[in-house]
N, C-alpha and C. Protein backbone atom coordinates (compact mmCIF):
# COMPACT_ATOMS: atom_id res chain seq x y z
N MET A 1 -51.11 154.75 84.75
CA MET A 1 -50.09 155.50 85.96
C MET A 1 -49.53 156.66 84.93
N THR A 2 -50.07 157.53 86.70
CA THR A 2 -49.45 159.16 85.78
C THR A 2 -48.24 159.52 85.76
N GLU A 3 -47.38 160.51 84.71
CA GLU A 3 -46.31 160.52 84.64
C GLU A 3 -46.04 162.00 85.69
N ARG A 4 -45.05 161.81 86.65
CA ARG A 4 -44.63 162.61 87.93
C ARG A 4 -43.91 164.13 87.43
N LEU A 5 -43.53 163.92 85.94
CA LEU A 5 -42.71 165.05 85.42
C LEU A 5 -43.27 166.22 85.00
N LEU A 6 -44.71 165.91 84.76
CA LEU A 6 -45.34 167.04 84.27
C LEU A 6 -45.74 168.08 85.04
N SER A 7 -45.95 169.41 84.33
CA SER A 7 -46.06 170.72 85.40
C SER A 7 -47.48 170.86 85.21
N LEU A 8 -48.13 170.24 84.48
CA LEU A 8 -49.45 170.45 84.00
C LEU A 8 -50.92 170.27 84.81
N THR A 9 -51.59 170.97 84.75
CA THR A 9 -53.14 170.35 85.34
C THR A 9 -53.97 169.55 84.27
N ILE A 10 -54.13 168.24 84.44
CA ILE A 10 -54.49 167.76 83.21
C ILE A 10 -55.88 167.55 83.50
N GLY A 11 -57.50 167.47 83.20
CA GLY A 11 -58.64 167.05 83.56
C GLY A 11 -58.78 167.53 85.00
N GLY A 12 -58.19 168.52 85.71
CA GLY A 12 -58.59 168.76 87.09
C GLY A 12 -57.71 168.14 87.52
N THR A 13 -56.65 167.08 87.62
CA THR A 13 -56.12 166.63 88.58
C THR A 13 -55.01 167.12 88.53
N PRO A 14 -54.35 167.71 90.01
CA PRO A 14 -52.81 168.14 89.89
C PRO A 14 -51.43 166.91 89.88
N ILE A 15 -50.58 167.55 88.88
CA ILE A 15 -49.66 166.13 88.77
C ILE A 15 -48.48 167.20 89.64
N LEU A 16 -47.92 166.28 90.42
CA LEU A 16 -46.83 167.14 90.88
C LEU A 16 -45.31 167.31 89.94
N ALA A 17 -44.93 168.35 90.31
CA ALA A 17 -43.89 168.80 89.28
C ALA A 17 -42.56 168.87 89.89
N PRO A 18 -41.37 168.75 89.10
CA PRO A 18 -39.96 168.90 90.03
C PRO A 18 -39.85 170.62 90.62
N SER A 19 -39.47 170.45 91.54
CA SER A 19 -39.00 171.84 92.18
C SER A 19 -38.57 173.04 90.79
N GLY A 20 -38.87 174.19 91.09
CA GLY A 20 -38.44 175.35 89.59
C GLY A 20 -39.13 175.15 88.86
N ILE A 21 -40.13 174.09 88.46
CA ILE A 21 -40.93 174.40 87.48
C ILE A 21 -42.20 174.83 87.63
N PRO A 22 -42.80 175.57 86.89
CA PRO A 22 -43.87 176.41 87.59
C PRO A 22 -45.22 175.69 87.03
N ALA A 23 -46.23 175.36 88.08
CA ALA A 23 -47.09 174.40 87.93
C ALA A 23 -48.57 175.41 87.23
N GLY A 24 -49.52 175.02 86.76
CA GLY A 24 -50.53 175.71 86.08
C GLY A 24 -51.16 174.94 85.16
N GLY A 25 -50.46 175.61 83.98
CA GLY A 25 -51.35 174.62 82.98
C GLY A 25 -52.27 175.41 82.14
N LEU A 26 -52.95 174.55 81.15
CA LEU A 26 -54.24 175.41 80.61
C LEU A 26 -55.27 175.95 81.22
N THR A 27 -55.74 175.58 82.56
CA THR A 27 -56.95 176.11 83.30
C THR A 27 -56.57 177.87 83.54
N GLU A 28 -54.98 178.04 83.75
CA GLU A 28 -54.89 179.40 83.67
C GLU A 28 -55.19 180.06 82.73
N THR A 29 -54.70 179.49 81.58
CA THR A 29 -54.86 180.15 80.17
C THR A 29 -56.40 180.52 80.00
N TYR A 30 -57.69 179.91 80.52
CA TYR A 30 -59.27 179.92 80.57
C TYR A 30 -59.33 180.86 81.31
N SER A 31 -58.69 180.94 82.28
CA SER A 31 -59.02 182.10 83.74
C SER A 31 -58.46 183.61 83.02
N TYR A 32 -57.50 183.74 82.19
CA TYR A 32 -57.16 184.87 81.29
C TYR A 32 -58.31 185.09 80.24
N GLY A 33 -58.41 184.42 79.61
CA GLY A 33 -59.35 184.70 78.63
C GLY A 33 -60.84 185.27 78.85
N SER A 34 -61.17 184.18 80.09
CA SER A 34 -62.52 185.07 81.18
C SER A 34 -62.62 186.25 81.25
N ASN A 35 -61.40 186.61 81.95
CA ASN A 35 -61.16 187.80 82.67
C ASN A 35 -61.19 189.07 81.48
N ILE A 36 -60.32 188.69 80.06
CA ILE A 36 -60.12 189.25 79.54
C ILE A 36 -61.61 189.94 78.67
N LEU A 37 -62.31 188.85 78.54
CA LEU A 37 -63.80 189.13 78.06
C LEU A 37 -64.54 189.70 78.98
N THR A 38 -64.57 189.55 80.09
CA THR A 38 -65.18 190.33 80.99
C THR A 38 -65.04 191.90 81.24
N ILE A 39 -63.16 192.38 80.82
CA ILE A 39 -62.72 193.56 80.91
C ILE A 39 -63.43 194.23 79.72
N VAL A 40 -63.22 193.58 78.37
CA VAL A 40 -63.83 193.97 77.35
C VAL A 40 -65.08 194.03 77.00
N TYR A 41 -65.91 193.46 77.70
CA TYR A 41 -67.21 193.55 77.85
C TYR A 41 -67.70 195.13 78.46
N VAL A 42 -67.51 195.13 79.64
CA VAL A 42 -67.19 196.32 80.77
C VAL A 42 -67.10 197.39 80.01
N ILE A 43 -65.73 197.67 79.46
CA ILE A 43 -65.22 198.83 78.73
C ILE A 43 -66.17 199.09 77.73
N VAL A 44 -66.62 198.14 76.73
CA VAL A 44 -67.36 198.66 75.57
C VAL A 44 -68.89 198.86 75.93
N THR A 45 -69.08 198.67 77.18
CA THR A 45 -70.95 199.04 77.39
C THR A 45 -70.39 200.45 78.29
N ILE A 46 -69.09 200.69 78.91
CA ILE A 46 -69.25 202.20 79.52
C ILE A 46 -68.87 202.92 78.42
N LEU A 47 -68.26 202.82 77.38
CA LEU A 47 -68.06 203.81 76.03
C LEU A 47 -69.33 203.90 75.21
N ALA A 48 -70.39 202.90 75.18
CA ALA A 48 -71.65 203.10 74.77
C ALA A 48 -72.48 204.06 75.49
N LEU A 49 -72.48 203.73 76.72
CA LEU A 49 -73.25 204.34 77.65
C LEU A 49 -72.85 206.05 77.98
N ALA A 50 -71.34 206.30 77.56
CA ALA A 50 -70.84 207.64 77.61
C ALA A 50 -71.52 208.19 76.28
N TYR A 51 -70.95 207.66 75.26
CA TYR A 51 -71.61 208.08 73.79
C TYR A 51 -73.27 208.50 73.97
N LEU A 52 -73.95 207.82 74.68
CA LEU A 52 -75.42 207.95 74.74
C LEU A 52 -75.39 209.24 75.72
N LEU A 53 -74.76 209.52 76.58
CA LEU A 53 -75.02 210.67 77.73
C LEU A 53 -74.52 211.80 76.65
N TRP A 54 -73.65 211.70 75.97
CA TRP A 54 -72.93 212.52 74.91
C TRP A 54 -73.67 213.20 73.95
N GLY A 55 -74.73 212.02 73.39
CA GLY A 55 -75.71 212.45 72.21
C GLY A 55 -77.01 213.12 72.95
N GLY A 56 -77.22 213.00 73.79
CA GLY A 56 -78.37 213.38 75.04
C GLY A 56 -77.66 215.03 75.19
N TYR A 57 -76.56 214.94 75.91
CA TYR A 57 -75.97 216.80 75.89
C TYR A 57 -76.18 217.27 74.89
N ARG A 58 -75.86 216.88 73.81
CA ARG A 58 -75.70 217.35 72.68
C ARG A 58 -77.05 218.02 72.22
N TRP A 59 -78.17 217.38 72.38
CA TRP A 59 -79.39 217.40 72.00
C TRP A 59 -79.86 218.69 72.73
N ILE A 60 -79.52 218.61 73.93
CA ILE A 60 -80.15 219.73 74.65
C ILE A 60 -79.24 220.98 74.35
N MET A 61 -77.72 220.91 74.31
CA MET A 61 -77.40 222.17 73.93
C MET A 61 -77.38 222.51 72.41
N SER A 62 -78.53 222.05 71.75
CA SER A 62 -78.39 222.07 70.15
C SER A 62 -78.70 223.72 69.88
N GLY A 63 -79.76 224.21 70.90
CA GLY A 63 -80.23 225.40 70.50
C GLY A 63 -81.35 225.06 69.48
N GLY A 64 -82.22 224.31 68.64
CA GLY A 64 -83.00 224.22 68.11
C GLY A 64 -82.32 224.49 66.77
N ASP A 65 -81.09 224.14 66.56
CA ASP A 65 -80.46 224.32 65.29
C ASP A 65 -80.83 222.96 64.55
N LYS A 66 -81.18 222.54 63.49
CA LYS A 66 -81.75 221.29 62.80
C LYS A 66 -80.45 220.42 62.62
N THR A 67 -79.13 220.65 62.16
CA THR A 67 -78.15 220.02 61.64
C THR A 67 -77.71 219.34 63.37
N LYS A 68 -77.51 220.56 64.33
CA LYS A 68 -77.26 219.92 65.49
C LYS A 68 -77.88 218.94 66.13
N ILE A 69 -79.49 219.06 65.97
CA ILE A 69 -80.18 218.17 66.01
C ILE A 69 -80.11 216.59 65.79
N GLN A 70 -79.79 216.88 64.38
CA GLN A 70 -79.55 215.77 63.43
C GLN A 70 -78.49 215.12 64.09
N ASN A 71 -77.22 215.57 64.37
CA ASN A 71 -76.16 214.74 64.81
C ASN A 71 -76.26 214.29 65.94
N ALA A 72 -77.02 215.28 66.86
CA ALA A 72 -77.29 214.19 68.66
C ALA A 72 -78.04 213.20 67.93
N ARG A 73 -78.86 213.41 67.32
CA ARG A 73 -80.08 211.65 67.12
C ARG A 73 -79.33 210.92 66.44
N ASN A 74 -77.95 211.10 65.60
CA ASN A 74 -77.04 210.20 65.28
C ASN A 74 -76.31 209.46 66.40
N THR A 75 -75.75 210.51 66.95
CA THR A 75 -75.13 210.03 68.03
C THR A 75 -75.86 208.88 69.22
N LEU A 76 -76.92 209.23 69.41
CA LEU A 76 -78.08 208.61 70.03
C LEU A 76 -78.35 207.33 69.75
N ILE A 77 -78.55 207.34 68.26
CA ILE A 77 -78.30 206.05 67.50
C ILE A 77 -77.63 205.02 67.67
N PHE A 78 -76.67 205.49 67.40
CA PHE A 78 -75.47 204.71 67.16
C PHE A 78 -74.58 204.12 68.60
N ALA A 79 -75.15 204.92 69.97
CA ALA A 79 -74.89 204.31 70.77
C ALA A 79 -76.14 203.22 71.42
N ILE A 80 -77.32 203.70 70.80
CA ILE A 80 -78.21 202.37 71.08
C ILE A 80 -77.86 201.22 70.88
N VAL A 81 -77.66 201.19 69.14
CA VAL A 81 -77.35 200.24 68.36
C VAL A 81 -76.05 199.63 68.97
N GLY A 82 -75.12 200.34 69.44
CA GLY A 82 -73.82 199.83 70.23
C GLY A 82 -74.08 198.69 71.17
N LEU A 83 -75.06 199.31 72.14
CA LEU A 83 -75.55 198.88 73.65
C LEU A 83 -76.01 197.06 72.85
N ILE A 84 -77.24 197.49 71.79
CA ILE A 84 -77.67 196.46 71.22
C ILE A 84 -76.95 195.22 71.07
N PHE A 85 -75.51 195.64 70.41
CA PHE A 85 -74.53 194.59 69.48
C PHE A 85 -74.20 193.89 70.90
N ILE A 86 -73.79 194.75 71.82
CA ILE A 86 -72.93 194.05 72.64
C ILE A 86 -73.53 193.25 73.66
N PHE A 87 -75.07 193.39 73.75
CA PHE A 87 -75.96 192.34 74.59
C PHE A 87 -76.34 191.28 74.03
N LEU A 88 -76.40 191.50 72.27
CA LEU A 88 -76.55 190.25 71.37
C LEU A 88 -75.35 189.55 71.46
N SER A 89 -74.21 189.96 71.47
CA SER A 89 -73.06 189.16 71.42
C SER A 89 -73.07 188.47 72.62
N PHE A 90 -73.52 188.81 73.66
CA PHE A 90 -73.07 188.11 75.02
C PHE A 90 -74.20 187.27 75.02
N LEU A 91 -75.27 187.48 74.37
CA LEU A 91 -76.39 186.28 73.87
C LEU A 91 -76.25 185.30 73.26
N ILE A 92 -75.47 185.54 72.12
CA ILE A 92 -75.34 184.33 70.93
C ILE A 92 -74.28 183.55 71.42
N ILE A 93 -73.22 184.15 72.47
CA ILE A 93 -72.56 183.35 72.91
C ILE A 93 -72.45 182.10 74.10
N ASN A 94 -73.98 182.58 74.50
CA ASN A 94 -74.51 181.59 75.47
C ASN A 94 -75.45 180.75 74.99
N ILE A 95 -76.52 181.23 73.88
CA ILE A 95 -76.66 180.21 72.77
C ILE A 95 -76.08 179.13 72.55
N ILE A 96 -74.90 179.59 71.92
CA ILE A 96 -73.91 178.51 71.31
C ILE A 96 -73.42 177.58 72.09
N THR A 97 -72.79 178.04 73.48
CA THR A 97 -72.58 177.10 74.35
C THR A 97 -73.75 176.34 74.63
N TYR A 98 -74.62 176.86 75.19
CA TYR A 98 -75.75 175.88 75.42
C TYR A 98 -76.25 174.97 74.56
N ILE A 99 -76.19 175.07 73.21
CA ILE A 99 -76.84 174.55 71.95
C ILE A 99 -75.54 173.01 71.82
N PHE A 100 -74.43 173.90 71.92
CA PHE A 100 -73.44 172.58 71.36
C PHE A 100 -72.85 171.93 73.15
N ASN A 101 -73.61 172.42 74.12
CA ASN A 101 -73.33 171.47 75.09
C ASN A 101 -71.67 171.70 75.75
N VAL A 102 -70.91 173.17 75.45
CA VAL A 102 -69.75 173.31 75.83
C VAL A 102 -69.71 174.59 76.80
N PRO A 103 -68.60 174.39 77.93
CA PRO A 103 -68.70 175.56 78.84
C PRO A 103 -68.18 176.77 78.15
N SER A 104 -68.81 177.88 78.99
CA SER A 104 -68.28 179.22 77.78
C SER A 104 -67.24 179.46 78.79
N ILE A 105 -66.25 180.59 78.29
CA ILE A 105 -65.28 180.67 78.96
C ILE A 105 -65.24 181.08 80.60
N ALA A 106 -66.38 181.84 80.78
CA ALA A 106 -66.67 182.45 82.28
C ALA A 106 -66.80 180.90 82.79
N ASP A 107 -67.38 179.91 82.47
CA ASP A 107 -67.73 178.69 83.28
C ASP A 107 -66.50 177.68 83.03
N LEU A 108 -65.27 177.74 82.75
CA LEU A 108 -64.38 176.82 82.82
C LEU A 108 -63.67 176.66 84.24
N PRO A 109 -63.02 175.99 84.65
CA PRO A 109 -62.13 175.80 85.90
C PRO A 109 -61.13 177.43 85.67
N LYS A 110 -61.14 177.83 87.32
CA LYS A 110 -60.19 178.91 87.31
C LYS A 110 -59.08 178.48 88.05
């Protein structure tokens, strides 16, 4: 027998709540986590691409100066390494969730 005084969603089965108590529960927390993770991935990817463009611009505008070219090359290398880390972190999260057969944050019910 289910308790009808709870306002949580447990196991995907909605339980009736008394009026005035907000419903929702654990699935809303996972939805927020998924949205935050997606926003972080997008922001970090955009920043890495912006640094990639900035490094290319600095290389073009270096005018043949060796130190400016080296600084631009370092910016490009760090931007590429950042993009690789972003994609590897996404890949590692998906591999771990596959190996342990657990849903990732993006796969949890919303």
